[in-house]
Amino acid sequence: MTIFYKEIPKEMECEPMNEVNEDVEENDNDSDNEESMESDEAEEKEDQDNDSKVYLPGKPLKSGEELVVDKTAYRMLHHAQSGAPCLSFDVISDDLGNNREDYPLSMYLVAGTQAAKTHVNNLLVMKMKNLSGIKDDSDDESDDDDDDEDDTNTPIMSVAPIKHQGCVNRVRYTRIGETTLAASWSELGRVHIWNLEEQLKALDNDDLLHAYRKKCEKNDGSVKPLFSFKGHLSEGYGLDWCSTDIGTLASGDCKALKIFNGHLMRDMYLLRVLPIRVSKFGIQEQVHSLLAC
């Protein structure tokens, strides 16, 4: 901080000094020095208390402390609400080009909710658009000029939900040909495969999205999965698509691992379950290691 000193008046530069008691002056100086040192120590302690620190999980917050975002760690940061919490999500590839760096950006996601009640869970197919980068402090001066553009550049998240029986333990996306699919692991011990084409088209058109959501509100308007597997003995979390053998899916519960080898035909997913032994390693790690080959 810059400190500005007042100029000494001209008439005081050569002002004569009166005689003073040296002992009194010395005591006064000592007292002033002690008070100054105590004041400096208090200010230094206050500055240390106010310094921002990296939060370590598990460390309790002191009275008056709060967690704040360090925006310097991000190139882009936005907040959105999904209603119920989501344990798993996946990014859906689009045809908007690779290595996009010019703002605003758009992206597609699929996530699965973990609602308290089994029958109110959903797969959320989402589109986020008008995503802007972190602004520098120097950009604040031009904020007034950009007020007129805020309405058109406001970040928006659109959602096309799919009713899902049970909490979604894991969701994974893949593309077979021109069709976008998602596999979901339900807490009820079932593995589902979904066609997301209708939802993705609705997200790109407000009228289609409105019609889609209105259809889903009807009792008979829920979207049916292309395929459901009920052969697992318990729920699981291991789930992934093979990156080298298109259409192959692996799912694992706490005791068993299933490999699905199939292909898409019209509105059906035809497949066969391949037998496989479970190793001593964790199911989830085995799923990833098998499909990475």
C-alpha atoms as a PDB file:
ATOM      1  CA  MET A   1       0.000   0.000   0.000  1.00  0.00           C
ATOM      2  CA  THR A   2       1.370   3.455  -0.887  1.00  0.00           C
ATOM      3  CA  ILE A   3       1.567   5.916   2.005  1.00  0.00           C
ATOM      4  CA  PHE A   4       1.457   9.622   1.234  1.00  0.00           C
ATOM      5  CA  TYR A   5       3.317  12.002   3.582  1.00  0.00           C
ATOM      6  CA  LYS A   6       2.061  15.545   4.144  1.00  0.00           C
ATOM      7  CA  GLU A   7       4.494  18.272   3.177  1.00  0.00           C
ATOM      8  CA  ILE A   8       6.132  20.054   6.097  1.00  0.00           C
ATOM      9  CA  PRO A   9       4.949  23.712   6.244  1.00  0.00           C
ATOM     10  CA  LYS A  10       7.624  26.202   5.284  1.00  0.00           C
ATOM     11  CA  GLU A  11       7.434  28.066   8.601  1.00  0.00           C
ATOM     12  CA  MET A  12       8.164  24.900  10.594  1.00  0.00           C
ATOM     13  CA  GLU A  13      11.362  23.942   8.810  1.00  0.00           C
ATOM     14  CA  CYS A  14      13.474  26.277  10.946  1.00  0.00           C
ATOM     15  CA  GLU A  15      11.314  26.493  14.046  1.00  0.00           C
ATOM     16  CA  PRO A  16      13.469  26.837  17.204  1.00  0.00           C
ATOM     17  CA  MET A  17      13.297  24.013  19.770  1.00  0.00           C
ATOM     18  CA  ASN A  18      12.462  24.589  23.437  1.00  0.00           C
ATOM     19  CA  GLU A  19      14.420  22.936  26.200  1.00  0.00           C
ATOM     20  CA  VAL A  20      12.934  19.618  27.376  1.00  0.00           C
ATOM     21  CA  ASN A  21      13.656  17.193  30.160  1.00  0.00           C
ATOM     22  CA  GLU A  22      15.786  14.446  28.621  1.00  0.00           C
ATOM     23  CA  ASP A  23      14.583  11.779  31.103  1.00  0.00           C
ATOM     24  CA  VAL A  24      10.934  12.455  30.373  1.00  0.00           C
ATOM     25  CA  GLU A  25      11.604  12.456  26.650  1.00  0.00           C
ATOM     26  CA  GLU A  26      13.430   9.126  26.881  1.00  0.00           C
ATOM     27  CA  ASN A  27      10.591   7.520  28.843  1.00  0.00           C
ATOM     28  CA  ASP A  28       8.036   8.839  26.386  1.00  0.00           C
ATOM     29  CA  ASN A  29      10.030   7.428  23.475  1.00  0.00           C
ATOM     30  CA  ASP A  30      10.274   4.002  25.130  1.00  0.00           C
ATOM     31  CA  SER A  31       6.539   3.952  25.752  1.00  0.00           C
ATOM     32  CA  ASP A  32       5.824   4.970  22.170  1.00  0.00           C
ATOM     33  CA  ASN A  33       8.178   2.276  20.854  1.00  0.00           C
ATOM     34  CA  GLU A  34       6.495  -0.436  22.951  1.00  0.00           C
ATOM     35  CA  GLU A  35       3.036   0.613  21.790  1.00  0.00           C
ATOM     36  CA  SER A  36       4.264   0.708  18.191  1.00  0.00           C
ATOM     37  CA  MET A  37       5.753  -2.794  18.463  1.00  0.00           C
ATOM     38  CA  GLU A  38       2.554  -4.181  20.013  1.00  0.00           C
ATOM     39  CA  SER A  39       0.510  -2.545  17.264  1.00  0.00           C
ATOM     40  CA  ASP A  40       2.776  -3.973  14.550  1.00  0.00           C
ATOM     41  CA  GLU A  41       2.601  -7.460  16.070  1.00  0.00           C
ATOM     42  CA  ALA A  42      -1.204  -7.279  16.243  1.00  0.00           C
ATOM     43  CA  GLU A  43      -1.431  -6.131  12.626  1.00  0.00           C
ATOM     44  CA  GLU A  44       0.989  -8.856  11.515  1.00  0.00           C
ATOM     45  CA  LYS A  45      -1.032 -11.521  13.356  1.00  0.00           C
ATOM     46  CA  GLU A  46      -4.249 -10.212  11.824  1.00  0.00           C
ATOM     47  CA  ASP A  47      -2.697 -10.304   8.340  1.00  0.00           C
ATOM     48  CA  GLN A  48      -1.591 -13.921   8.906  1.00  0.00           C
ATOM     49  CA  ASP A  49      -5.086 -14.879  10.045  1.00  0.00           C
ATOM     50  CA  ASN A  50      -6.567 -13.270   6.933  1.00  0.00           C
ATOM     51  CA  ASP A  51      -4.160 -14.960   4.522  1.00  0.00           C
ATOM     52  CA  SER A  52      -5.879 -17.512   2.282  1.00  0.00           C
ATOM     53  CA  LYS A  53      -4.749 -21.094   2.731  1.00  0.00           C
ATOM     54  CA  VAL A  54      -5.329 -24.339   0.855  1.00  0.00           C
ATOM     55  CA  TYR A  55      -8.087 -26.352   2.525  1.00  0.00           C
ATOM     56  CA  LEU A  56      -7.240 -29.926   3.491  1.00  0.00           C
ATOM     57  CA  PRO A  57     -10.226 -32.323   3.664  1.00  0.00           C
ATOM     58  CA  GLY A  58     -11.018 -33.366   7.210  1.00  0.00           C
ATOM     59  CA  LYS A  59      -9.668 -30.194   8.801  1.00  0.00           C
ATOM     60  CA  PRO A  60     -12.430 -28.391  10.738  1.00  0.00           C
ATOM     61  CA  LEU A  61     -13.119 -24.769   9.892  1.00  0.00           C
ATOM     62  CA  LYS A  62     -12.502 -22.155  12.574  1.00  0.00           C
ATOM     63  CA  SER A  63     -15.118 -19.637  13.586  1.00  0.00           C
ATOM     64  CA  GLY A  64     -15.473 -17.033  10.854  1.00  0.00           C
ATOM     65  CA  GLU A  65     -13.663 -19.133   8.230  1.00  0.00           C
ATOM     66  CA  GLU A  66     -15.330 -20.039   4.951  1.00  0.00           C
ATOM     67  CA  LEU A  67     -14.378 -21.935   1.811  1.00  0.00           C
ATOM     68  CA  VAL A  68     -13.987 -19.808  -1.308  1.00  0.00           C
ATOM     69  CA  VAL A  69     -13.077 -20.744  -4.868  1.00  0.00           C
ATOM     70  CA  ASP A  70      -9.601 -19.921  -6.125  1.00  0.00           C
ATOM     71  CA  LYS A  71     -10.511 -18.830  -9.638  1.00  0.00           C
ATOM     72  CA  THR A  72      -6.869 -18.743 -10.701  1.00  0.00           C
ATOM     73  CA  ALA A  73      -6.982 -22.553 -10.804  1.00  0.00           C
ATOM     74  CA  TYR A  74      -9.615 -22.563 -13.563  1.00  0.00           C
ATOM     75  CA  ARG A  75      -9.863 -21.434 -17.151  1.00  0.00           C
ATOM     76  CA  MET A  76     -13.637 -21.852 -16.998  1.00  0.00           C
ATOM     77  CA  LEU A  77     -15.920 -22.309 -13.986  1.00  0.00           C
ATOM     78  CA  HIS A  78     -19.721 -22.550 -13.822  1.00  0.00           C
ATOM     79  CA  HIS A  79     -22.178 -23.872 -11.237  1.00  0.00           C
ATOM     80  CA  ALA A  80     -25.399 -25.764 -12.004  1.00  0.00           C
ATOM     81  CA  GLN A  81     -28.020 -27.709 -10.036  1.00  0.00           C
ATOM     82  CA  SER A  82     -29.261 -31.185 -10.990  1.00  0.00           C
ATOM     83  CA  GLY A  83     -31.924 -31.532  -8.293  1.00  0.00           C
ATOM     84  CA  ALA A  84     -30.944 -34.856  -6.725  1.00  0.00           C
ATOM     85  CA  PRO A  85     -27.202 -35.540  -6.344  1.00  0.00           C
ATOM     86  CA  CYS A  86     -25.430 -37.478  -9.109  1.00  0.00           C
ATOM     87  CA  LEU A  87     -22.789 -40.088  -8.281  1.00  0.00           C
ATOM     88  CA  SER A  88     -21.774 -40.656 -11.922  1.00  0.00           C
ATOM     89  CA  PHE A  89     -21.698 -38.696 -15.173  1.00  0.00           C
ATOM     90  CA  ASP A  90     -20.080 -38.919 -18.598  1.00  0.00           C
ATOM     91  CA  VAL A  91     -19.291 -36.409 -21.335  1.00  0.00           C
ATOM     92  CA  ILE A  92     -20.990 -37.017 -24.690  1.00  0.00           C
ATOM     93  CA  SER A  93     -18.879 -36.360 -27.773  1.00  0.00           C
ATOM     94  CA  ASP A  94     -20.370 -33.951 -30.302  1.00  0.00           C
ATOM     95  CA  ASP A  95     -19.680 -32.828 -33.861  1.00  0.00           C
ATOM     96  CA  LEU A  96     -18.756 -29.239 -32.989  1.00  0.00           C
ATOM     97  CA  GLY A  97     -15.040 -29.800 -33.539  1.00  0.00           C
ATOM     98  CA  ASN A  98     -12.010 -30.778 -31.487  1.00  0.00           C
ATOM     99  CA  ASN A  99      -9.687 -28.528 -29.437  1.00  0.00           C
ATOM    100  CA  ARG A 100     -12.268 -25.756 -29.114  1.00  0.00           C
ATOM    101  CA  GLU A 101     -10.904 -22.760 -27.206  1.00  0.00           C
ATOM    102  CA  ASP A 102     -13.012 -19.835 -28.411  1.00  0.00           C
ATOM    103  CA  TYR A 103     -15.731 -18.782 -25.971  1.00  0.00           C
ATOM    104  CA  PRO A 104     -18.610 -19.246 -25.490  1.00  0.00           C
ATOM    105  CA  LEU A 105     -18.471 -23.063 -25.450  1.00  0.00           C
ATOM    106  CA  SER A 106     -21.144 -25.782 -25.472  1.00  0.00           C
ATOM    107  CA  MET A 107     -21.093 -29.370 -24.240  1.00  0.00           C
ATOM    108  CA  TYR A 108     -23.348 -32.417 -23.765  1.00  0.00           C
ATOM    109  CA  LEU A 109     -23.477 -34.630 -20.657  1.00  0.00           C
ATOM    110  CA  VAL A 110     -25.344 -37.622 -19.267  1.00  0.00           C
ATOM    111  CA  ALA A 111     -25.665 -38.147 -15.513  1.00  0.00           C
ATOM    112  CA  GLY A 112     -27.610 -40.392 -13.157  1.00  0.00           C
ATOM    113  CA  THR A 113     -29.380 -39.251  -9.994  1.00  0.00           C
ATOM    114  CA  GLN A 114     -29.221 -40.683  -6.475  1.00  0.00           C
ATOM    115  CA  ALA A 115     -32.620 -39.633  -5.131  1.00  0.00           C
ATOM    116  CA  ALA A 116     -33.930 -40.773  -1.755  1.00  0.00           C
ATOM    117  CA  LYS A 117     -36.904 -42.565  -3.316  1.00  0.00           C
ATOM    118  CA  THR A 118     -36.354 -45.321  -5.882  1.00  0.00           C
ATOM    119  CA  HIS A 119     -39.079 -44.295  -8.318  1.00  0.00           C
ATOM    120  CA  VAL A 120     -38.049 -40.634  -8.701  1.00  0.00           C
ATOM    121  CA  ASN A 121     -34.583 -41.208 -10.183  1.00  0.00           C
ATOM    122  CA  ASN A 122     -33.606 -40.111 -13.670  1.00  0.00           C
ATOM    123  CA  LEU A 123     -30.931 -40.235 -16.291  1.00  0.00           C
ATOM    124  CA  LEU A 124     -30.254 -36.586 -17.127  1.00  0.00           C
ATOM    125  CA  VAL A 125     -29.220 -35.872 -20.698  1.00  0.00           C
ATOM    126  CA  MET A 126     -27.930 -32.297 -20.586  1.00  0.00           C
ATOM    127  CA  LYS A 127     -26.677 -29.535 -22.810  1.00  0.00           C
ATOM    128  CA  MET A 128     -24.724 -26.594 -21.427  1.00  0.00           C
ATOM    129  CA  LYS A 129     -24.255 -23.594 -23.689  1.00  0.00           C
ATOM    130  CA  ASN A 130     -22.877 -20.054 -23.486  1.00  0.00           C
ATOM    131  CA  LEU A 131     -20.063 -21.225 -21.223  1.00  0.00           C
ATOM    132  CA  SER A 132     -17.578 -18.378 -20.828  1.00  0.00           C
ATOM    133  CA  GLY A 133     -14.040 -18.317 -19.487  1.00  0.00           C
ATOM    134  CA  ILE A 134     -12.834 -16.815 -16.217  1.00  0.00           C
ATOM    135  CA  LYS A 135     -12.603 -13.038 -16.577  1.00  0.00           C
ATOM    136  CA  ASP A 136      -9.586 -11.041 -15.425  1.00  0.00           C
ATOM    137  CA  ASP A 137     -10.026  -8.176 -12.966  1.00  0.00           C
ATOM    138  CA  SER A 138      -9.109  -5.831 -15.795  1.00  0.00           C
ATOM    139  CA  ASP A 139     -12.262  -6.901 -17.584  1.00  0.00           C
ATOM    140  CA  ASP A 140     -14.432  -5.330 -14.875  1.00  0.00           C
ATOM    141  CA  GLU A 141     -14.077  -1.917 -16.512  1.00  0.00           C
ATOM    142  CA  SER A 142     -15.876  -3.148 -19.601  1.00  0.00           C
ATOM    143  CA  ASP A 143     -18.695  -4.867 -17.662  1.00  0.00           C
ATOM    144  CA  ASP A 144     -20.985  -1.864 -18.043  1.00  0.00           C
ATOM    145  CA  ASP A 145     -20.613  -1.999 -21.801  1.00  0.00           C
ATOM    146  CA  ASP A 146     -21.486  -5.693 -21.832  1.00  0.00           C
ATOM    147  CA  ASP A 147     -24.712  -5.405 -19.817  1.00  0.00           C
ATOM    148  CA  ASP A 148     -26.796  -5.390 -22.977  1.00  0.00           C
ATOM    149  CA  GLU A 149     -25.211  -8.664 -24.093  1.00  0.00           C
ATOM    150  CA  ASP A 150     -25.681 -10.478 -20.756  1.00  0.00           C
ATOM    151  CA  ASP A 151     -29.163 -11.696 -21.663  1.00  0.00           C
ATOM    152  CA  THR A 152     -27.971 -13.472 -24.800  1.00  0.00           C
ATOM    153  CA  ASN A 153     -24.712 -14.738 -23.270  1.00  0.00           C
ATOM    154  CA  THR A 154     -26.125 -16.096 -20.009  1.00  0.00           C
ATOM    155  CA  PRO A 155     -25.013 -19.715 -19.426  1.00  0.00           C
ATOM    156  CA  ILE A 156     -27.939 -22.117 -19.866  1.00  0.00           C
ATOM    157  CA  MET A 157     -28.324 -25.789 -18.970  1.00  0.00           C
ATOM    158  CA  SER A 158     -31.126 -27.702 -20.715  1.00  0.00           C
ATOM    159  CA  VAL A 159     -32.178 -31.146 -19.472  1.00  0.00           C
ATOM    160  CA  ALA A 160     -34.010 -34.027 -21.177  1.00  0.00           C
ATOM    161  CA  PRO A 161     -34.706 -36.552 -18.376  1.00  0.00           C
ATOM    162  CA  ILE A 162     -35.261 -40.310 -18.670  1.00  0.00           C
ATOM    163  CA  LYS A 163     -37.084 -42.039 -15.816  1.00  0.00           C
ATOM    164  CA  HIS A 164     -34.835 -44.620 -14.193  1.00  0.00           C
ATOM    165  CA  GLN A 165     -35.848 -47.309 -11.697  1.00  0.00           C
ATOM    166  CA  GLY A 166     -33.467 -47.127  -8.758  1.00  0.00           C
ATOM    167  CA  CYS A 167     -30.488 -44.915  -8.059  1.00  0.00           C
ATOM    168  CA  VAL A 168     -27.894 -44.751 -10.847  1.00  0.00           C
ATOM    169  CA  ASN A 169     -24.632 -46.222  -9.539  1.00  0.00           C
ATOM    170  CA  ARG A 170     -22.747 -45.671 -12.797  1.00  0.00           C
ATOM    171  CA  VAL A 171     -23.471 -44.330 -16.291  1.00  0.00           C
ATOM    172  CA  ARG A 172     -21.225 -44.618 -19.352  1.00  0.00           C
ATOM    173  CA  TYR A 173     -21.644 -43.256 -22.871  1.00  0.00           C
ATOM    174  CA  THR A 174     -20.624 -44.722 -26.235  1.00  0.00           C
ATOM    175  CA  ARG A 175     -21.397 -44.234 -29.902  1.00  0.00           C
ATOM    176  CA  ILE A 176     -22.145 -47.063 -32.312  1.00  0.00           C
ATOM    177  CA  GLY A 177     -22.185 -45.732 -35.852  1.00  0.00           C
ATOM    178  CA  GLU A 178     -24.332 -42.593 -35.739  1.00  0.00           C
ATOM    179  CA  THR A 179     -26.258 -43.678 -32.635  1.00  0.00           C
ATOM    180  CA  THR A 180     -25.474 -42.417 -29.149  1.00  0.00           C
ATOM    181  CA  LEU A 181     -25.989 -44.967 -26.366  1.00  0.00           C
ATOM    182  CA  ALA A 182     -25.639 -44.933 -22.605  1.00  0.00           C
ATOM    183  CA  ALA A 183     -25.350 -47.857 -20.198  1.00  0.00           C
ATOM    184  CA  SER A 184     -26.551 -47.468 -16.605  1.00  0.00           C
ATOM    185  CA  TRP A 185     -26.053 -49.561 -13.455  1.00  0.00           C
ATOM    186  CA  SER A 186     -29.148 -49.515 -11.201  1.00  0.00           C
ATOM    187  CA  GLU A 187     -29.057 -50.068  -7.447  1.00  0.00           C
ATOM    188  CA  LEU A 188     -31.736 -52.691  -8.077  1.00  0.00           C
ATOM    189  CA  GLY A 189     -29.082 -54.951  -9.644  1.00  0.00           C
ATOM    190  CA  ARG A 190     -29.972 -54.272 -13.288  1.00  0.00           C
ATOM    191  CA  VAL A 191     -27.890 -53.010 -16.200  1.00  0.00           C
ATOM    192  CA  HIS A 192     -29.722 -50.961 -18.853  1.00  0.00           C
ATOM    193  CA  ILE A 193     -28.749 -49.688 -22.298  1.00  0.00           C
ATOM    194  CA  TRP A 194     -30.451 -46.525 -23.589  1.00  0.00           C
ATOM    195  CA  ASN A 195     -30.707 -44.793 -26.947  1.00  0.00           C
ATOM    196  CA  LEU A 196     -30.112 -41.050 -26.395  1.00  0.00           C
ATOM    197  CA  GLU A 197     -30.824 -39.800 -29.928  1.00  0.00           C
ATOM    198  CA  GLU A 198     -34.293 -38.443 -29.123  1.00  0.00           C
ATOM    199  CA  GLN A 199     -33.042 -36.554 -26.090  1.00  0.00           C
ATOM    200  CA  LEU A 200     -30.053 -35.027 -27.898  1.00  0.00           C
ATOM    201  CA  LYS A 201     -32.249 -33.788 -30.750  1.00  0.00           C
ATOM    202  CA  ALA A 202     -34.669 -32.259 -28.243  1.00  0.00           C
ATOM    203  CA  LEU A 203     -31.834 -30.365 -26.526  1.00  0.00           C
ATOM    204  CA  ASP A 204     -31.023 -28.578 -29.786  1.00  0.00           C
ATOM    205  CA  ASN A 205     -34.598 -27.386 -30.314  1.00  0.00           C
ATOM    206  CA  ASP A 206     -36.711 -25.644 -27.677  1.00  0.00           C
ATOM    207  CA  ASP A 207     -40.009 -26.748 -29.226  1.00  0.00           C
ATOM    208  CA  LEU A 208     -38.906 -30.390 -29.355  1.00  0.00           C
ATOM    209  CA  LEU A 209     -37.664 -30.192 -25.773  1.00  0.00           C
ATOM    210  CA  HIS A 210     -40.971 -28.795 -24.558  1.00  0.00           C
ATOM    211  CA  ALA A 211     -42.882 -31.563 -26.378  1.00  0.00           C
ATOM    212  CA  TYR A 212     -40.515 -34.223 -25.034  1.00  0.00           C
ATOM    213  CA  ARG A 213     -40.872 -33.103 -21.411  1.00  0.00           C
ATOM    214  CA  LYS A 214     -44.640 -32.919 -21.781  1.00  0.00           C
ATOM    215  CA  LYS A 215     -44.674 -36.485 -23.135  1.00  0.00           C
ATOM    216  CA  CYS A 216     -42.557 -37.737 -20.225  1.00  0.00           C
ATOM    217  CA  GLU A 217     -45.036 -36.306 -17.723  1.00  0.00           C
ATOM    218  CA  LYS A 218     -47.672 -38.786 -18.912  1.00  0.00           C
ATOM    219  CA  ASN A 219     -47.983 -42.134 -17.145  1.00  0.00           C
ATOM    220  CA  ASP A 220     -47.273 -44.075 -20.349  1.00  0.00           C
ATOM    221  CA  GLY A 221     -44.721 -41.614 -21.720  1.00  0.00           C
ATOM    222  CA  SER A 222     -41.593 -43.004 -20.094  1.00  0.00           C
ATOM    223  CA  VAL A 223     -38.685 -44.003 -22.343  1.00  0.00           C
ATOM    224  CA  LYS A 224     -37.960 -47.734 -22.505  1.00  0.00           C
ATOM    225  CA  PRO A 225     -34.378 -49.056 -22.499  1.00  0.00           C
ATOM    226  CA  LEU A 226     -33.079 -50.879 -25.560  1.00  0.00           C
ATOM    227  CA  PHE A 227     -31.875 -53.685 -23.321  1.00  0.00           C
ATOM    228  CA  SER A 228     -32.023 -54.674 -19.654  1.00  0.00           C
ATOM    229  CA  PHE A 229     -29.955 -57.347 -17.936  1.00  0.00           C
ATOM    230  CA  LYS A 230     -31.158 -58.823 -14.623  1.00  0.00           C
ATOM    231  CA  GLY A 231     -28.581 -61.600 -14.244  1.00  0.00           C
ATOM    232  CA  HIS A 232     -26.496 -59.941 -11.535  1.00  0.00           C
ATOM    233  CA  LEU A 233     -27.104 -61.227  -8.010  1.00  0.00           C
ATOM    234  CA  SER A 234     -26.515 -57.815  -6.417  1.00  0.00           C
ATOM    235  CA  GLU A 235     -25.918 -54.196  -7.340  1.00  0.00           C
ATOM    236  CA  GLY A 236     -22.538 -53.051  -8.617  1.00  0.00           C
ATOM    237  CA  TYR A 237     -20.504 -50.078  -9.744  1.00  0.00           C
ATOM    238  CA  GLY A 238     -18.111 -51.422 -12.382  1.00  0.00           C
ATOM    239  CA  LEU A 239     -19.336 -50.449 -15.861  1.00  0.00           C
ATOM    240  CA  ASP A 240     -17.557 -49.475 -19.075  1.00  0.00           C
ATOM    241  CA  TRP A 241     -17.629 -49.759 -22.860  1.00  0.00           C
ATOM    242  CA  CYS A 242     -14.745 -51.236 -24.815  1.00  0.00           C
ATOM    243  CA  SER A 243     -12.793 -48.659 -26.811  1.00  0.00           C
ATOM    244  CA  THR A 244     -11.401 -51.189 -29.310  1.00  0.00           C
ATOM    245  CA  ASP A 245     -14.315 -53.593 -29.805  1.00  0.00           C
ATOM    246  CA  ILE A 246     -17.303 -51.357 -30.529  1.00  0.00           C
ATOM    247  CA  GLY A 247     -20.493 -52.507 -28.796  1.00  0.00           C
ATOM    248  CA  THR A 248     -18.829 -54.566 -26.092  1.00  0.00           C
ATOM    249  CA  LEU A 249     -19.845 -53.686 -22.539  1.00  0.00           C
ATOM    250  CA  ALA A 250     -18.620 -55.007 -19.192  1.00  0.00           C
ATOM    251  CA  SER A 251     -20.465 -54.762 -15.888  1.00  0.00           C
ATOM    252  CA  GLY A 252     -19.413 -56.025 -12.477  1.00  0.00           C
ATOM    253  CA  ASP A 253     -21.077 -56.366  -9.095  1.00  0.00           C
ATOM    254  CA  CYS A 254     -19.352 -57.323  -5.864  1.00  0.00           C
ATOM    255  CA  LYS A 255     -19.100 -61.000  -6.850  1.00  0.00           C
ATOM    256  CA  ALA A 256     -19.465 -61.399 -10.616  1.00  0.00           C
ATOM    257  CA  LEU A 257     -18.323 -59.846 -13.886  1.00  0.00           C
ATOM    258  CA  LYS A 258     -20.363 -59.905 -17.110  1.00  0.00           C
ATOM    259  CA  ILE A 259     -19.153 -59.147 -20.634  1.00  0.00           C
ATOM    260  CA  PHE A 260     -21.819 -58.200 -23.196  1.00  0.00           C
ATOM    261  CA  ASN A 261     -20.870 -58.505 -26.834  1.00  0.00           C
ATOM    262  CA  GLY A 262     -23.584 -57.112 -29.058  1.00  0.00           C
ATOM    263  CA  HIS A 263     -24.642 -54.841 -31.883  1.00  0.00           C
ATOM    264  CA  LEU A 264     -27.413 -52.360 -32.548  1.00  0.00           C
ATOM    265  CA  MET A 265     -30.255 -53.397 -34.867  1.00  0.00           C
ATOM    266  CA  ARG A 266     -33.118 -50.960 -35.401  1.00  0.00           C
ATOM    267  CA  ASP A 267     -34.634 -50.309 -31.961  1.00  0.00           C
ATOM    268  CA  MET A 268     -33.073 -53.336 -30.293  1.00  0.00           C
ATOM    269  CA  TYR A 269     -29.672 -54.132 -28.855  1.00  0.00           C
ATOM    270  CA  LEU A 270     -28.813 -57.744 -29.644  1.00  0.00           C
ATOM    271  CA  LEU A 271     -26.070 -59.324 -27.589  1.00  0.00           C
ATOM    272  CA  ARG A 272     -24.735 -62.401 -25.900  1.00  0.00           C
ATOM    273  CA  VAL A 273     -23.234 -62.710 -22.453  1.00  0.00           C
ATOM    274  CA  LEU A 274     -19.700 -64.060 -22.388  1.00  0.00           C
ATOM    275  CA  PRO A 275     -18.593 -66.165 -19.382  1.00  0.00           C
ATOM    276  CA  ILE A 276     -15.528 -64.906 -17.548  1.00  0.00           C
ATOM    277  CA  ARG A 277     -13.750 -65.674 -14.297  1.00  0.00           C
ATOM    278  CA  VAL A 278     -13.418 -63.097 -11.567  1.00  0.00           C
ATOM    279  CA  SER A 279      -9.869 -62.466 -10.391  1.00  0.00           C
ATOM    280  CA  LYS A 280      -8.715 -61.556  -6.891  1.00  0.00           C
ATOM    281  CA  PHE A 281      -8.507 -57.903  -7.951  1.00  0.00           C
ATOM    282  CA  GLY A 282     -11.366 -55.430  -7.536  1.00  0.00           C
ATOM    283  CA  ILE A 283     -14.296 -55.772  -9.954  1.00  0.00           C
ATOM    284  CA  GLN A 284     -14.175 -52.151 -11.081  1.00  0.00           C
ATOM    285  CA  GLU A 285     -10.443 -52.287 -11.803  1.00  0.00           C
ATOM    286  CA  GLN A 286     -10.912 -55.551 -13.698  1.00  0.00           C
ATOM    287  CA  VAL A 287     -13.650 -54.019 -15.854  1.00  0.00           C
ATOM    288  CA  HIS A 288     -11.334 -51.182 -16.926  1.00  0.00           C
ATOM    289  CA  SER A 289      -8.341 -53.441 -17.496  1.00  0.00           C
ATOM    290  CA  LEU A 290     -10.312 -55.879 -19.666  1.00  0.00           C
ATOM    291  CA  LEU A 291     -11.847 -53.193 -21.867  1.00  0.00           C
ATOM    292  CA  ALA A 292      -8.609 -51.236 -22.250  1.00  0.00           C
ATOM    293  CA  CYS A 293      -7.066 -54.125 -24.212  1.00  0.00           C
END
